[in-house]
């Protein structure tokens, strides 16, 4: 399979690209704003004569809800305009299949510019299927985490780094707030099950670790595993964000999905990664979107 992928510098994109490579597939183009190529610049790409793309994996997105509320244009430009650019590229170059990353937050009643942009992405993807015959898989991740030099300020990364440094771990909500955590390898397993299944196309899949856990318990487990003296702080819930998340994975389970990594094991793997890669936590920025490597 020849493929194009966006967002390969992010957590999901990084692991997705590695899995595709390990499975013998060929990446023709990888596109990521952090690598100097914005998905909106796709119109400047012209496939070489005879170059055939089988699947377009669109994983790039602006995914910080708080930032999208403060600056709604971020979600519109990156997510809404982004999916249009991808689907138009597929239409013009007769790429038959597309995998589009949405979010499990579309399943919650809360609405914000980020969620709205993902609902639009899902509906436009279906529209291009009905109008132009492009087959699709929509994937809805839920709090995916894993070992990487994190550039997007994810909750598990924030908690681990703050615990290592002895800083407070802040929970935006009360002691009963929950999230459905997903280890990145499990998530990629789910995506590949859908991609490789003849009956997996033209559907939307909720993919989670089926591990709804109180965020307080996660913070306590991280403090325990790091032997930290960090304190846990509760703050006001974030605007337009759910306080209890549990994802129904029945449809992806019908393809054989069975997540393997529970949160305690996932935290251990993350901590092992930080021990082997100290720069990943020493220079980590727990607010904002940039990882500083000492050269900035």
C-alpha atoms as a PDB file:
ATOM      1  CA  UNK A   1       0.000   0.000   0.000  1.00  0.00           C
ATOM      2  CA  UNK A   2       1.229   3.463  -0.911  1.00  0.00           C
ATOM      3  CA  UNK A   3       0.029   6.179   1.431  1.00  0.00           C
ATOM      4  CA  UNK A   4       0.225   9.837   2.361  1.00  0.00           C
ATOM      5  CA  UNK A   5       0.072  10.864   6.017  1.00  0.00           C
ATOM      6  CA  UNK A   6      -0.439  14.190   7.761  1.00  0.00           C
ATOM      7  CA  UNK A   7       0.481  14.890  11.368  1.00  0.00           C
ATOM      8  CA  UNK A   8       3.381  12.426  11.511  1.00  0.00           C
ATOM      9  CA  UNK A   9       5.167  14.567  14.103  1.00  0.00           C
ATOM     10  CA  UNK A  10       2.334  14.101  16.594  1.00  0.00           C
ATOM     11  CA  UNK A  11       1.887  11.166  18.952  1.00  0.00           C
ATOM     12  CA  UNK A  12      -0.712   9.255  16.935  1.00  0.00           C
ATOM     13  CA  UNK A  13       0.868  10.133  13.584  1.00  0.00           C
ATOM     14  CA  UNK A  14       4.342   9.102  14.723  1.00  0.00           C
ATOM     15  CA  UNK A  15       3.204   5.687  15.928  1.00  0.00           C
ATOM     16  CA  UNK A  16       0.875   5.245  12.966  1.00  0.00           C
ATOM     17  CA  UNK A  17       3.657   5.880  10.479  1.00  0.00           C
ATOM     18  CA  UNK A  18       5.983   3.462  12.283  1.00  0.00           C
ATOM     19  CA  UNK A  19       3.318   0.743  12.238  1.00  0.00           C
ATOM     20  CA  UNK A  20       2.633   1.243   8.546  1.00  0.00           C
ATOM     21  CA  UNK A  21       6.355   1.077   7.799  1.00  0.00           C
ATOM     22  CA  UNK A  22       6.792  -2.068   9.897  1.00  0.00           C
ATOM     23  CA  UNK A  23       3.898  -3.651   8.020  1.00  0.00           C
ATOM     24  CA  UNK A  24       5.666  -3.045   4.708  1.00  0.00           C
ATOM     25  CA  UNK A  25       3.677  -0.068   3.418  1.00  0.00           C
ATOM     26  CA  UNK A  26       5.299   2.839   1.555  1.00  0.00           C
ATOM     27  CA  UNK A  27       4.977   6.481   2.600  1.00  0.00           C
ATOM     28  CA  UNK A  28       5.011   8.711  -0.473  1.00  0.00           C
ATOM     29  CA  UNK A  29       4.550  12.018   1.372  1.00  0.00           C
ATOM     30  CA  UNK A  30       4.465  12.988   5.041  1.00  0.00           C
ATOM     31  CA  UNK A  31       3.003  16.363   5.877  1.00  0.00           C
ATOM     32  CA  UNK A  32       3.275  18.216   9.168  1.00  0.00           C
ATOM     33  CA  UNK A  33       3.349  21.910   9.963  1.00  0.00           C
ATOM     34  CA  UNK A  34       6.111  21.237  12.499  1.00  0.00           C
ATOM     35  CA  UNK A  35       8.224  19.827   9.671  1.00  0.00           C
ATOM     36  CA  UNK A  36       7.633  22.925   7.558  1.00  0.00           C
ATOM     37  CA  UNK A  37       4.777  21.721   5.356  1.00  0.00           C
ATOM     38  CA  UNK A  38       1.233  22.799   6.160  1.00  0.00           C
ATOM     39  CA  UNK A  39      -1.659  20.605   5.063  1.00  0.00           C
ATOM     40  CA  UNK A  40      -3.194  23.734   3.521  1.00  0.00           C
ATOM     41  CA  UNK A  41      -0.310  23.711   1.043  1.00  0.00           C
ATOM     42  CA  UNK A  42      -1.461  20.423  -0.463  1.00  0.00           C
ATOM     43  CA  UNK A  43      -2.613  22.251  -3.569  1.00  0.00           C
ATOM     44  CA  UNK A  44       1.064  22.827  -4.388  1.00  0.00           C
ATOM     45  CA  UNK A  45       1.733  19.073  -4.493  1.00  0.00           C
ATOM     46  CA  UNK A  46       1.452  17.311  -7.826  1.00  0.00           C
ATOM     47  CA  UNK A  47       1.838  13.545  -7.875  1.00  0.00           C
ATOM     48  CA  UNK A  48       4.539  12.208 -10.171  1.00  0.00           C
ATOM     49  CA  UNK A  49       3.462  10.435 -13.370  1.00  0.00           C
ATOM     50  CA  UNK A  50       2.430   6.905 -12.503  1.00  0.00           C
ATOM     51  CA  UNK A  51       2.510   7.594  -8.746  1.00  0.00           C
ATOM     52  CA  UNK A  52      -0.465   5.844  -7.174  1.00  0.00           C
ATOM     53  CA  UNK A  53      -1.761   6.594  -3.670  1.00  0.00           C
ATOM     54  CA  UNK A  54      -3.943   3.934  -2.088  1.00  0.00           C
ATOM     55  CA  UNK A  55      -4.856   5.623   1.210  1.00  0.00           C
ATOM     56  CA  UNK A  56      -4.572   9.142   2.617  1.00  0.00           C
ATOM     57  CA  UNK A  57      -4.194   9.196   6.421  1.00  0.00           C
ATOM     58  CA  UNK A  58      -5.241  12.619   7.732  1.00  0.00           C
ATOM     59  CA  UNK A  59      -4.164  12.866  11.380  1.00  0.00           C
ATOM     60  CA  UNK A  60      -3.036  16.507  11.580  1.00  0.00           C
ATOM     61  CA  UNK A  61      -5.186  18.884  13.619  1.00  0.00           C
ATOM     62  CA  UNK A  62      -5.228  21.711  16.080  1.00  0.00           C
ATOM     63  CA  UNK A  63      -6.445  19.845  19.152  1.00  0.00           C
ATOM     64  CA  UNK A  64      -6.174  22.219  22.139  1.00  0.00           C
ATOM     65  CA  UNK A  65      -9.729  22.976  23.206  1.00  0.00           C
ATOM     66  CA  UNK A  66      -8.850  25.900  25.471  1.00  0.00           C
ATOM     67  CA  UNK A  67      -6.870  27.534  22.685  1.00  0.00           C
ATOM     68  CA  UNK A  68      -9.690  26.966  20.212  1.00  0.00           C
ATOM     69  CA  UNK A  69     -12.087  28.744  22.572  1.00  0.00           C
ATOM     70  CA  UNK A  70      -9.701  31.671  22.976  1.00  0.00           C
ATOM     71  CA  UNK A  71      -8.899  31.781  19.233  1.00  0.00           C
ATOM     72  CA  UNK A  72     -11.633  30.002  17.229  1.00  0.00           C
ATOM     73  CA  UNK A  73      -9.792  30.632  13.965  1.00  0.00           C
ATOM     74  CA  UNK A  74      -7.208  28.024  14.994  1.00  0.00           C
ATOM     75  CA  UNK A  75      -9.724  25.197  14.736  1.00  0.00           C
ATOM     76  CA  UNK A  76     -11.379  26.604  11.646  1.00  0.00           C
ATOM     77  CA  UNK A  77      -8.180  27.122   9.672  1.00  0.00           C
ATOM     78  CA  UNK A  78      -6.367  23.959  10.751  1.00  0.00           C
ATOM     79  CA  UNK A  79      -9.267  21.521  11.048  1.00  0.00           C
ATOM     80  CA  UNK A  80     -12.121  22.723   8.834  1.00  0.00           C
ATOM     81  CA  UNK A  81      -9.985  24.170   6.031  1.00  0.00           C
ATOM     82  CA  UNK A  82      -7.558  21.286   6.567  1.00  0.00           C
ATOM     83  CA  UNK A  83     -10.079  18.521   5.896  1.00  0.00           C
ATOM     84  CA  UNK A  84     -11.346  20.375   2.829  1.00  0.00           C
ATOM     85  CA  UNK A  85      -7.791  20.562   1.459  1.00  0.00           C
ATOM     86  CA  UNK A  86      -7.274  16.837   2.050  1.00  0.00           C
ATOM     87  CA  UNK A  87     -10.543  15.725   0.499  1.00  0.00           C
ATOM     88  CA  UNK A  88     -10.077  17.984  -2.518  1.00  0.00           C
ATOM     89  CA  UNK A  89      -6.587  16.545  -3.001  1.00  0.00           C
ATOM     90  CA  UNK A  90      -8.042  13.036  -2.898  1.00  0.00           C
ATOM     91  CA  UNK A  91     -10.792  13.966  -5.355  1.00  0.00           C
ATOM     92  CA  UNK A  92      -8.476  15.632  -7.849  1.00  0.00           C
ATOM     93  CA  UNK A  93      -5.865  12.867  -7.706  1.00  0.00           C
ATOM     94  CA  UNK A  94      -8.379  10.008  -7.589  1.00  0.00           C
ATOM     95  CA  UNK A  95      -7.148   8.681  -4.246  1.00  0.00           C
ATOM     96  CA  UNK A  96      -9.777   6.054  -3.406  1.00  0.00           C
ATOM     97  CA  UNK A  97      -9.578   5.915   0.395  1.00  0.00           C
ATOM     98  CA  UNK A  98      -9.080   8.317   3.300  1.00  0.00           C
ATOM     99  CA  UNK A  99      -8.664   7.792   7.046  1.00  0.00           C
ATOM    100  CA  UNK A 100      -9.713  10.851   9.035  1.00  0.00           C
ATOM    101  CA  UNK A 101      -8.988  11.524  12.696  1.00  0.00           C
ATOM    102  CA  UNK A 102     -11.945  13.025  14.532  1.00  0.00           C
ATOM    103  CA  UNK A 103     -12.377  12.995  18.328  1.00  0.00           C
ATOM    104  CA  UNK A 104     -14.454  11.167  20.916  1.00  0.00           C
ATOM    105  CA  UNK A 105     -15.521  14.596  22.158  1.00  0.00           C
ATOM    106  CA  UNK A 106     -18.119  14.694  19.368  1.00  0.00           C
ATOM    107  CA  UNK A 107     -19.997  12.105  21.460  1.00  0.00           C
ATOM    108  CA  UNK A 108     -20.353  14.492  24.423  1.00  0.00           C
ATOM    109  CA  UNK A 109     -23.037  17.204  24.624  1.00  0.00           C
ATOM    110  CA  UNK A 110     -20.531  19.997  25.195  1.00  0.00           C
ATOM    111  CA  UNK A 111     -19.747  22.098  22.142  1.00  0.00           C
ATOM    112  CA  UNK A 112     -16.749  24.306  21.390  1.00  0.00           C
ATOM    113  CA  UNK A 113     -14.964  25.419  18.212  1.00  0.00           C
ATOM    114  CA  UNK A 114     -12.686  22.364  18.236  1.00  0.00           C
ATOM    115  CA  UNK A 115     -15.549  19.864  18.510  1.00  0.00           C
ATOM    116  CA  UNK A 116     -17.530  21.794  15.885  1.00  0.00           C
ATOM    117  CA  UNK A 117     -14.588  21.591  13.475  1.00  0.00           C
ATOM    118  CA  UNK A 118     -14.401  17.832  13.968  1.00  0.00           C
ATOM    119  CA  UNK A 119     -18.133  17.363  13.399  1.00  0.00           C
ATOM    120  CA  UNK A 120     -17.689  19.312  10.162  1.00  0.00           C
ATOM    121  CA  UNK A 121     -14.715  17.104   9.240  1.00  0.00           C
ATOM    122  CA  UNK A 122     -16.806  13.973   9.726  1.00  0.00           C
ATOM    123  CA  UNK A 123     -19.736  15.286   7.709  1.00  0.00           C
ATOM    124  CA  UNK A 124     -17.587  16.597   4.856  1.00  0.00           C
ATOM    125  CA  UNK A 125     -15.819  13.236   4.677  1.00  0.00           C
ATOM    126  CA  UNK A 126     -19.194  11.484   4.339  1.00  0.00           C
ATOM    127  CA  UNK A 127     -20.241  14.041   1.730  1.00  0.00           C
ATOM    128  CA  UNK A 128     -17.189  13.262  -0.415  1.00  0.00           C
ATOM    129  CA  UNK A 129     -18.029   9.576  -0.141  1.00  0.00           C
ATOM    130  CA  UNK A 130     -21.610  10.095  -1.261  1.00  0.00           C
ATOM    131  CA  UNK A 131     -20.702  12.616  -3.970  1.00  0.00           C
ATOM    132  CA  UNK A 132     -17.378  11.312  -5.305  1.00  0.00           C
ATOM    133  CA  UNK A 133     -17.121   7.715  -4.097  1.00  0.00           C
ATOM    134  CA  UNK A 134     -14.123   8.218  -1.794  1.00  0.00           C
ATOM    135  CA  UNK A 135     -14.185   5.473   0.833  1.00  0.00           C
ATOM    136  CA  UNK A 136     -13.476   6.541   4.386  1.00  0.00           C
ATOM    137  CA  UNK A 137     -12.733   5.503   7.931  1.00  0.00           C
ATOM    138  CA  UNK A 138     -13.414   8.049  10.670  1.00  0.00           C
ATOM    139  CA  UNK A 139     -11.527   7.368  13.887  1.00  0.00           C
ATOM    140  CA  UNK A 140     -12.435   8.971  17.197  1.00  0.00           C
ATOM    141  CA  UNK A 141      -9.568   8.792  19.709  1.00  0.00           C
ATOM    142  CA  UNK A 142     -10.082   9.227  23.442  1.00  0.00           C
ATOM    143  CA  UNK A 143      -7.265  10.717  25.555  1.00  0.00           C
ATOM    144  CA  UNK A 144      -4.464   8.924  23.736  1.00  0.00           C
ATOM    145  CA  UNK A 145      -1.114   8.888  25.520  1.00  0.00           C
ATOM    146  CA  UNK A 146       2.268   7.289  24.989  1.00  0.00           C
ATOM    147  CA  UNK A 147       6.057   7.726  24.988  1.00  0.00           C
ATOM    148  CA  UNK A 148       7.125  10.640  22.818  1.00  0.00           C
ATOM    149  CA  UNK A 149       8.844  14.011  22.980  1.00  0.00           C
ATOM    150  CA  UNK A 150       5.440  15.623  23.498  1.00  0.00           C
ATOM    151  CA  UNK A 151       4.711  18.883  21.690  1.00  0.00           C
ATOM    152  CA  UNK A 152       1.039  19.258  22.510  1.00  0.00           C
ATOM    153  CA  UNK A 153       0.952  19.321  26.300  1.00  0.00           C
ATOM    154  CA  UNK A 154      -1.016  16.128  27.002  1.00  0.00           C
ATOM    155  CA  UNK A 155      -2.441  15.395  30.434  1.00  0.00           C
ATOM    156  CA  UNK A 156      -0.371  12.281  31.188  1.00  0.00           C
ATOM    157  CA  UNK A 157       2.806  14.016  30.033  1.00  0.00           C
ATOM    158  CA  UNK A 158       2.000  17.079  32.141  1.00  0.00           C
ATOM    159  CA  UNK A 159       1.313  14.973  35.230  1.00  0.00           C
ATOM    160  CA  UNK A 160       4.442  12.848  34.822  1.00  0.00           C
ATOM    161  CA  UNK A 161       6.786  15.764  34.233  1.00  0.00           C
ATOM    162  CA  UNK A 162       5.323  17.784  37.115  1.00  0.00           C
ATOM    163  CA  UNK A 163       5.604  14.773  39.420  1.00  0.00           C
ATOM    164  CA  UNK A 164       9.240  14.213  38.438  1.00  0.00           C
ATOM    165  CA  UNK A 165       9.948  17.898  39.091  1.00  0.00           C
ATOM    166  CA  UNK A 166       7.952  17.966  42.338  1.00  0.00           C
ATOM    167  CA  UNK A 167       5.391  20.430  41.011  1.00  0.00           C
ATOM    168  CA  UNK A 168       1.639  20.421  41.591  1.00  0.00           C
ATOM    169  CA  UNK A 169      -0.609  18.177  39.520  1.00  0.00           C
ATOM    170  CA  UNK A 170      -3.684  20.218  38.587  1.00  0.00           C
ATOM    171  CA  UNK A 171      -7.042  18.584  37.904  1.00  0.00           C
ATOM    172  CA  UNK A 172      -9.552  20.818  36.153  1.00  0.00           C
ATOM    173  CA  UNK A 173     -12.649  19.490  37.870  1.00  0.00           C
ATOM    174  CA  UNK A 174     -13.470  17.619  41.059  1.00  0.00           C
ATOM    175  CA  UNK A 175     -12.450  14.266  42.524  1.00  0.00           C
ATOM    176  CA  UNK A 176     -15.035  12.440  40.403  1.00  0.00           C
ATOM    177  CA  UNK A 177     -13.816  13.657  37.002  1.00  0.00           C
ATOM    178  CA  UNK A 178     -13.113  10.740  34.642  1.00  0.00           C
ATOM    179  CA  UNK A 179     -11.453  10.167  31.281  1.00  0.00           C
ATOM    180  CA  UNK A 180     -11.284   7.096  29.053  1.00  0.00           C
ATOM    181  CA  UNK A 181      -7.534   6.728  28.533  1.00  0.00           C
ATOM    182  CA  UNK A 182      -6.033   4.976  25.490  1.00  0.00           C
ATOM    183  CA  UNK A 183      -2.451   3.808  25.144  1.00  0.00           C
ATOM    184  CA  UNK A 184      -1.180   4.731  21.696  1.00  0.00           C
ATOM    185  CA  UNK A 185      -0.285   1.173  20.628  1.00  0.00           C
ATOM    186  CA  UNK A 186      -3.830   0.034  21.381  1.00  0.00           C
ATOM    187  CA  UNK A 187      -5.199   2.935  19.373  1.00  0.00           C
ATOM    188  CA  UNK A 188      -3.053   2.135  16.343  1.00  0.00           C
ATOM    189  CA  UNK A 189      -4.107  -1.517  16.628  1.00  0.00           C
ATOM    190  CA  UNK A 190      -7.722  -0.370  16.332  1.00  0.00           C
ATOM    191  CA  UNK A 191      -7.049   1.785  13.289  1.00  0.00           C
ATOM    192  CA  UNK A 192      -5.216  -1.004  11.486  1.00  0.00           C
ATOM    193  CA  UNK A 193      -8.017  -3.465  12.195  1.00  0.00           C
ATOM    194  CA  UNK A 194     -10.426  -1.133  10.411  1.00  0.00           C
ATOM    195  CA  UNK A 195      -8.031  -0.392   7.534  1.00  0.00           C
ATOM    196  CA  UNK A 196      -7.321  -4.083   6.908  1.00  0.00           C
ATOM    197  CA  UNK A 197     -10.935  -5.224   7.185  1.00  0.00           C
ATOM    198  CA  UNK A 198     -13.018  -5.537   4.030  1.00  0.00           C
ATOM    199  CA  UNK A 199     -16.078  -4.506   6.039  1.00  0.00           C
ATOM    200  CA  UNK A 200     -14.254  -1.803   7.982  1.00  0.00           C
ATOM    201  CA  UNK A 201     -14.715   1.053   5.524  1.00  0.00           C
ATOM    202  CA  UNK A 202     -17.308   3.832   5.365  1.00  0.00           C
ATOM    203  CA  UNK A 203     -17.850   3.783   9.118  1.00  0.00           C
ATOM    204  CA  UNK A 204     -16.889   5.845  12.173  1.00  0.00           C
ATOM    205  CA  UNK A 205     -15.113   4.084  15.042  1.00  0.00           C
ATOM    206  CA  UNK A 206     -14.794   5.120  18.663  1.00  0.00           C
ATOM    207  CA  UNK A 207     -11.421   3.811  19.848  1.00  0.00           C
ATOM    208  CA  UNK A 208     -10.457   3.911  23.515  1.00  0.00           C
ATOM    209  CA  UNK A 209      -8.598   1.846  26.067  1.00  0.00           C
ATOM    210  CA  UNK A 210     -11.956   1.037  27.653  1.00  0.00           C
ATOM    211  CA  UNK A 211     -10.292   2.334  30.789  1.00  0.00           C
ATOM    212  CA  UNK A 212     -12.549   5.026  32.259  1.00  0.00           C
ATOM    213  CA  UNK A 213     -10.621   6.148  35.324  1.00  0.00           C
ATOM    214  CA  UNK A 214     -10.902   8.995  37.773  1.00  0.00           C
ATOM    215  CA  UNK A 215      -8.273  11.591  36.935  1.00  0.00           C
ATOM    216  CA  UNK A 216      -7.538  11.789  40.654  1.00  0.00           C
ATOM    217  CA  UNK A 217      -6.582   8.096  40.649  1.00  0.00           C
ATOM    218  CA  UNK A 218      -4.286   8.670  37.674  1.00  0.00           C
ATOM    219  CA  UNK A 219      -2.570  11.544  39.469  1.00  0.00           C
ATOM    220  CA  UNK A 220      -2.147   9.397  42.587  1.00  0.00           C
ATOM    221  CA  UNK A 221      -0.728   6.496  40.557  1.00  0.00           C
ATOM    222  CA  UNK A 222       1.786   8.796  38.877  1.00  0.00           C
ATOM    223  CA  UNK A 223       2.881  10.204  42.220  1.00  0.00           C
ATOM    224  CA  UNK A 224       3.265   6.648  43.530  1.00  0.00           C
ATOM    225  CA  UNK A 225       5.305   5.412  40.559  1.00  0.00           C
ATOM    226  CA  UNK A 226       7.577   8.456  40.563  1.00  0.00           C
ATOM    227  CA  UNK A 227       7.961   8.522  44.368  1.00  0.00           C
ATOM    228  CA  UNK A 228       7.071  12.193  44.103  1.00  0.00           C
ATOM    229  CA  UNK A 229       6.155  14.626  46.865  1.00  0.00           C
ATOM    230  CA  UNK A 230       3.946  16.586  44.472  1.00  0.00           C
ATOM    231  CA  UNK A 231       0.570  17.779  45.698  1.00  0.00           C
ATOM    232  CA  UNK A 232      -2.694  17.408  43.800  1.00  0.00           C
ATOM    233  CA  UNK A 233      -4.634  20.605  43.171  1.00  0.00           C
ATOM    234  CA  UNK A 234      -8.237  20.960  42.013  1.00  0.00           C
ATOM    235  CA  UNK A 235      -9.221  23.866  39.796  1.00  0.00           C
ATOM    236  CA  UNK A 236     -12.434  24.981  38.114  1.00  0.00           C
ATOM    237  CA  UNK A 237     -13.612  22.752  35.242  1.00  0.00           C
ATOM    238  CA  UNK A 238     -12.490  23.872  31.823  1.00  0.00           C
ATOM    239  CA  UNK A 239     -15.101  25.633  29.725  1.00  0.00           C
ATOM    240  CA  UNK A 240     -17.242  23.513  27.393  1.00  0.00           C
ATOM    241  CA  UNK A 241     -15.434  20.271  28.216  1.00  0.00           C
ATOM    242  CA  UNK A 242     -16.992  17.047  29.597  1.00  0.00           C
ATOM    243  CA  UNK A 243     -16.257  15.989  33.151  1.00  0.00           C
ATOM    244  CA  UNK A 244     -17.033  12.307  32.653  1.00  0.00           C
ATOM    245  CA  UNK A 245     -15.901  10.436  29.560  1.00  0.00           C
ATOM    246  CA  UNK A 246     -16.657   6.809  28.739  1.00  0.00           C
ATOM    247  CA  UNK A 247     -16.510   5.656  25.126  1.00  0.00           C
ATOM    248  CA  UNK A 248     -18.592   2.898  23.541  1.00  0.00           C
ATOM    249  CA  UNK A 249     -16.218   0.745  21.461  1.00  0.00           C
ATOM    250  CA  UNK A 250     -18.701  -1.913  20.321  1.00  0.00           C
ATOM    251  CA  UNK A 251     -18.247  -1.257  16.599  1.00  0.00           C
ATOM    252  CA  UNK A 252     -14.440  -1.559  16.612  1.00  0.00           C
ATOM    253  CA  UNK A 253     -14.684  -4.568  18.937  1.00  0.00           C
ATOM    254  CA  UNK A 254     -16.717  -6.319  16.258  1.00  0.00           C
ATOM    255  CA  UNK A 255     -13.552  -6.225  14.135  1.00  0.00           C
ATOM    256  CA  UNK A 256     -11.566  -7.933  16.905  1.00  0.00           C
ATOM    257  CA  UNK A 257     -10.333  -4.922  18.872  1.00  0.00           C
ATOM    258  CA  UNK A 258      -9.170  -5.716  22.405  1.00  0.00           C
ATOM    259  CA  UNK A 259      -7.024  -3.068  24.163  1.00  0.00           C
ATOM    260  CA  UNK A 260      -4.152  -4.511  26.158  1.00  0.00           C
ATOM    261  CA  UNK A 261      -2.548  -1.685  28.130  1.00  0.00           C
ATOM    262  CA  UNK A 262      -4.220  -0.541  31.348  1.00  0.00           C
ATOM    263  CA  UNK A 263      -3.406   2.873  32.762  1.00  0.00           C
ATOM    264  CA  UNK A 264      -0.945   1.679  35.430  1.00  0.00           C
ATOM    265  CA  UNK A 265       1.110  -0.202  32.811  1.00  0.00           C
ATOM    266  CA  UNK A 266       0.905   2.732  30.411  1.00  0.00           C
ATOM    267  CA  UNK A 267       2.231   5.088  33.081  1.00  0.00           C
ATOM    268  CA  UNK A 268       5.097   2.691  33.764  1.00  0.00           C
ATOM    269  CA  UNK A 269       6.013   2.633  30.077  1.00  0.00           C
ATOM    270  CA  UNK A 270       5.891   6.419  29.936  1.00  0.00           C
ATOM    271  CA  UNK A 271       8.107   6.697  33.005  1.00  0.00           C
ATOM    272  CA  UNK A 272      10.598   4.227  31.523  1.00  0.00           C
ATOM    273  CA  UNK A 273      10.709   6.383  28.384  1.00  0.00           C
ATOM    274  CA  UNK A 274      11.436   9.508  30.441  1.00  0.00           C
ATOM    275  CA  UNK A 275      14.212   7.712  32.330  1.00  0.00           C
ATOM    276  CA  UNK A 276      15.867   6.795  29.022  1.00  0.00           C
ATOM    277  CA  UNK A 277      15.202  10.214  27.451  1.00  0.00           C
ATOM    278  CA  UNK A 278      15.713  12.879  30.134  1.00  0.00           C
ATOM    279  CA  UNK A 279      15.473  15.750  27.659  1.00  0.00           C
ATOM    280  CA  UNK A 280      11.857  14.733  27.073  1.00  0.00           C
ATOM    281  CA  UNK A 281      10.978  15.928  30.567  1.00  0.00           C
ATOM    282  CA  UNK A 282      13.794  18.317  31.511  1.00  0.00           C
ATOM    283  CA  UNK A 283      12.872  20.788  28.761  1.00  0.00           C
ATOM    284  CA  UNK A 284       9.172  19.976  28.604  1.00  0.00           C
ATOM    285  CA  UNK A 285       6.706  22.856  28.566  1.00  0.00           C
ATOM    286  CA  UNK A 286       3.477  21.871  30.326  1.00  0.00           C
ATOM    287  CA  UNK A 287       1.430  24.762  28.934  1.00  0.00           C
ATOM    288  CA  UNK A 288       1.351  25.820  25.315  1.00  0.00           C
ATOM    289  CA  UNK A 289       2.277  23.737  22.308  1.00  0.00           C
ATOM    290  CA  UNK A 290       6.033  23.982  21.857  1.00  0.00           C
ATOM    291  CA  UNK A 291       8.698  21.578  23.024  1.00  0.00           C
ATOM    292  CA  UNK A 292      11.924  23.506  23.609  1.00  0.00           C
ATOM    293  CA  UNK A 293      15.031  21.495  22.873  1.00  0.00           C
ATOM    294  CA  UNK A 294      17.512  24.033  24.188  1.00  0.00           C
ATOM    295  CA  UNK A 295      18.131  25.537  20.748  1.00  0.00           C
ATOM    296  CA  UNK A 296      15.143  27.872  20.619  1.00  0.00           C
END
